[in-house]
Amino acid sequence: MTFNLNDVNNLVDHLLSHPQLLLQLIQTIILFLTLIFVIWYTVCTSRILKQEAGSRIFEFLFRISEMLIKKDSVSNKKRIFDELFAPKDVEKIEGIPKEEFNEEEIELGAFIMLYLSFFEYIWGAKKYGILGREEWNAWVEVIKSFFESDRVKLVWSERKDLFDEDFRRWIEKEILFNKDT
């Protein structure tokens, strides 16, 4: 199909003689260009979010490692333990008064809570489509392995209310009660 100059002139004359048609054509072109822009912007934003999430995951891991390796005073570790594991309204954990926890127990409680928070972040990255299937499957295995510890299960049972409700349901269903997958 070929267009000649007369066809184009006829189309222009027709559109100019019918301003409503011209207006509809302009609106359609604007909507089409807007749609193209929205799709382009969504793709660009998705790429940026994936890159940012990846760097945040590594930053979170680095901070956890730094906190665990760094030699803090016992009082600072007790403060971290109180904030993460035993809020002020909890006087005893497993029947042991908070004041009697030794440095190792404080470190362990802080370690478990930090990693549970990190796993919640990873779960959120999967929930919002930032992690791919292979990355997610690898993290699920890490999380399952982490929950094999009775101490982790105990901390989870006592502190799970601090986490997102959907994340709690996922842990309960897929990690704690579904060991085969």
Protein backbone atom coordinates (compact mmCIF):
# COMPACT_ATOMS: atom_id res chain seq x y z
CA MET A 1 0.00 0.00 0.00
CA THR A 2 1.46 3.34 -0.99
CA PHE A 3 0.45 6.82 -0.04
CA ASN A 4 0.62 9.67 -2.43
CA LEU A 5 0.60 13.34 -1.63
CA ASN A 6 -3.06 13.69 -2.63
CA ASP A 7 -4.12 11.09 -0.04
CA VAL A 8 -2.25 12.92 2.69
CA ASN A 9 -3.75 16.27 1.59
CA ASN A 10 -7.23 14.76 1.58
CA LEU A 11 -6.73 13.36 5.09
CA VAL A 12 -5.48 16.70 6.40
CA ASP A 13 -8.38 18.54 4.79
CA HIS A 14 -10.83 16.03 6.25
CA LEU A 15 -9.36 16.41 9.75
CA LEU A 16 -9.31 20.19 9.54
CA SER A 17 -12.92 20.24 8.42
CA HIS A 18 -13.90 18.03 11.37
CA PRO A 19 -12.21 19.49 14.48
CA GLN A 20 -13.71 16.82 16.76
CA LEU A 21 -11.93 14.09 14.79
CA LEU A 22 -8.69 16.04 14.95
CA LEU A 23 -9.09 16.45 18.71
CA GLN A 24 -9.75 12.71 19.12
CA LEU A 25 -6.66 11.89 17.07
CA ILE A 26 -4.50 14.20 19.17
CA GLN A 27 -5.90 12.70 22.39
CA THR A 28 -5.24 9.17 21.13
CA ILE A 29 -1.65 10.06 20.22
CA ILE A 30 -1.10 11.66 23.63
CA LEU A 31 -2.53 8.60 25.41
CA PHE A 32 -0.36 6.30 23.33
CA LEU A 33 2.78 8.33 24.11
CA THR A 34 1.83 8.42 27.80
CA LEU A 35 1.44 4.64 27.82
CA ILE A 36 4.86 4.20 26.21
CA PHE A 37 6.41 6.56 28.80
CA VAL A 38 4.77 4.73 31.73
CA ILE A 39 6.02 1.37 30.48
CA TRP A 40 9.54 2.74 29.96
CA TYR A 41 9.54 4.39 33.40
CA THR A 42 8.29 1.19 35.09
CA VAL A 43 11.05 -0.89 33.48
CA CYS A 44 13.72 1.63 34.51
CA THR A 45 12.39 1.87 38.07
CA SER A 46 12.25 -1.91 38.40
CA ARG A 47 15.90 -2.21 37.38
CA ILE A 48 16.92 0.47 39.86
CA LEU A 49 14.95 -1.16 42.68
CA LYS A 50 16.55 -4.54 42.01
CA GLN A 51 20.04 -3.03 42.07
CA GLU A 52 19.28 -1.08 45.24
CA ALA A 53 17.79 -4.13 46.97
CA GLY A 54 20.87 -6.17 46.15
CA SER A 55 23.18 -3.56 47.62
CA ARG A 56 20.98 -3.23 50.71
CA ILE A 57 21.08 -6.97 51.27
CA PHE A 58 24.88 -6.92 51.25
CA GLU A 59 24.93 -3.81 53.44
CA PHE A 60 22.64 -5.54 55.96
CA LEU A 61 24.86 -8.65 55.97
CA PHE A 62 27.93 -6.46 56.46
CA ARG A 63 26.36 -4.64 59.40
CA ILE A 64 25.31 -7.89 61.05
CA SER A 65 28.82 -9.30 60.64
CA GLU A 66 30.34 -6.09 61.93
CA MET A 67 28.13 -6.13 65.02
CA LEU A 68 28.93 -9.77 65.74
CA ILE A 69 32.68 -9.43 65.24
CA LYS A 70 33.09 -6.09 66.99
CA LYS A 71 34.07 -6.45 70.64
CA ASP A 72 31.53 -4.38 72.52
CA SER A 73 31.28 -3.99 76.24
CA VAL A 74 28.96 -6.31 78.13
CA SER A 75 26.68 -3.38 79.01
CA ASN A 76 26.33 -2.44 75.33
CA LYS A 77 25.53 -6.05 74.46
CA LYS A 78 22.93 -6.11 77.24
CA ARG A 79 21.42 -2.93 75.74
CA ILE A 80 21.30 -4.53 72.27
CA PHE A 81 19.80 -7.68 73.80
CA ASP A 82 17.16 -5.65 75.63
CA GLU A 83 16.21 -3.77 72.47
CA LEU A 84 16.11 -6.79 70.17
CA PHE A 85 15.27 -9.76 72.30
CA ALA A 86 13.86 -8.82 75.67
CA PRO A 87 11.85 -5.62 75.86
CA LYS A 88 11.40 -3.90 79.19
CA ASP A 89 8.08 -5.61 79.92
CA VAL A 90 9.74 -9.05 79.85
CA GLU A 91 11.36 -9.88 83.17
CA LYS A 92 12.35 -13.49 82.48
CA ILE A 93 13.11 -15.57 79.42
CA GLU A 94 12.90 -19.33 79.83
CA GLY A 95 12.56 -18.66 83.55
CA ILE A 96 15.92 -16.86 83.72
CA PRO A 97 15.90 -13.20 84.83
CA LYS A 98 17.28 -10.85 82.18
CA GLU A 99 20.01 -9.66 84.54
CA GLU A 100 21.42 -13.19 84.84
CA PHE A 101 22.03 -13.73 81.14
CA ASN A 102 25.71 -14.04 80.43
CA GLU A 103 27.53 -12.38 77.56
CA GLU A 104 27.25 -15.45 75.32
CA GLU A 105 23.47 -15.65 75.75
CA ILE A 106 23.15 -11.93 75.04
CA GLU A 107 25.20 -12.27 71.86
CA LEU A 108 23.18 -15.29 70.78
CA GLY A 109 19.85 -13.52 71.32
CA ALA A 110 21.04 -10.44 69.42
CA PHE A 111 22.46 -12.63 66.65
CA ILE A 112 19.20 -14.53 66.22
CA MET A 113 17.07 -11.37 66.16
CA LEU A 114 19.38 -9.68 63.66
CA TYR A 115 19.22 -12.61 61.31
CA LEU A 116 15.46 -12.97 61.68
CA SER A 117 15.14 -9.28 60.74
CA PHE A 118 17.44 -9.85 57.80
CA PHE A 119 15.40 -12.85 56.64
CA GLU A 120 12.26 -10.73 56.84
CA TYR A 121 13.97 -8.20 54.57
CA ILE A 122 14.91 -10.97 52.12
CA TRP A 123 11.33 -12.27 52.22
CA GLY A 124 10.07 -8.76 51.45
CA ALA A 125 12.46 -8.53 48.50
CA LYS A 126 10.95 -11.75 47.14
CA LYS A 127 7.40 -10.61 47.87
CA TYR A 128 7.90 -7.48 45.78
CA GLY A 129 9.61 -9.32 42.92
CA ILE A 130 13.12 -8.05 43.55
CA LEU A 131 14.71 -11.48 44.02
CA GLY A 132 14.72 -14.06 41.25
CA ARG A 133 13.57 -17.66 41.73
CA GLU A 134 17.09 -19.13 42.03
CA GLU A 135 18.21 -16.49 44.54
CA TRP A 136 15.04 -16.98 46.56
CA ASN A 137 15.34 -20.78 46.61
CA ALA A 138 18.90 -20.45 47.93
CA TRP A 139 17.73 -18.12 50.70
CA VAL A 140 14.88 -20.48 51.63
CA GLU A 141 17.47 -23.22 52.23
CA VAL A 142 19.54 -20.86 54.40
CA ILE A 143 16.45 -19.90 56.42
CA LYS A 144 15.43 -23.56 56.85
CA SER A 145 18.93 -24.37 58.04
CA PHE A 146 18.83 -21.46 60.49
CA PHE A 147 15.54 -22.69 61.96
CA GLU A 148 16.95 -26.15 62.67
CA SER A 149 18.32 -24.74 65.93
CA ASP A 150 16.07 -25.21 68.95
CA ARG A 151 17.29 -21.86 70.29
CA VAL A 152 16.19 -20.10 67.09
CA LYS A 153 12.78 -21.77 67.35
CA LEU A 154 12.50 -20.60 70.94
CA VAL A 155 13.45 -17.02 70.10
CA TRP A 156 11.02 -17.11 67.18
CA SER A 157 8.16 -18.36 69.35
CA GLU A 158 8.79 -15.62 71.93
CA ARG A 159 9.50 -12.70 69.58
CA LYS A 160 7.60 -13.46 66.35
CA ASP A 161 5.06 -10.74 67.11
CA LEU A 162 7.73 -8.18 66.21
CA PHE A 163 7.63 -9.28 62.58
CA ASP A 164 5.25 -8.69 59.68
CA GLU A 165 2.13 -10.84 59.88
CA ASP A 166 2.57 -12.27 56.37
CA PHE A 167 6.21 -13.08 57.12
CA ARG A 168 5.16 -14.88 60.31
CA ARG A 169 2.61 -16.95 58.41
CA TRP A 170 5.21 -17.83 55.79
CA ILE A 171 7.74 -18.94 58.45
CA GLU A 172 5.13 -20.99 60.28
CA LYS A 173 3.80 -22.66 57.12
CA GLU A 174 6.83 -23.05 54.84
CA ILE A 175 9.77 -23.26 57.26
CA LEU A 176 8.60 -24.72 60.56
CA PHE A 177 5.81 -27.04 59.40
CA ASN A 178 6.96 -27.92 55.90
CA LYS A 179 10.45 -29.36 56.27
CA ASP A 180 10.19 -31.51 53.10
CA THR A 181 10.19 -28.67 50.53
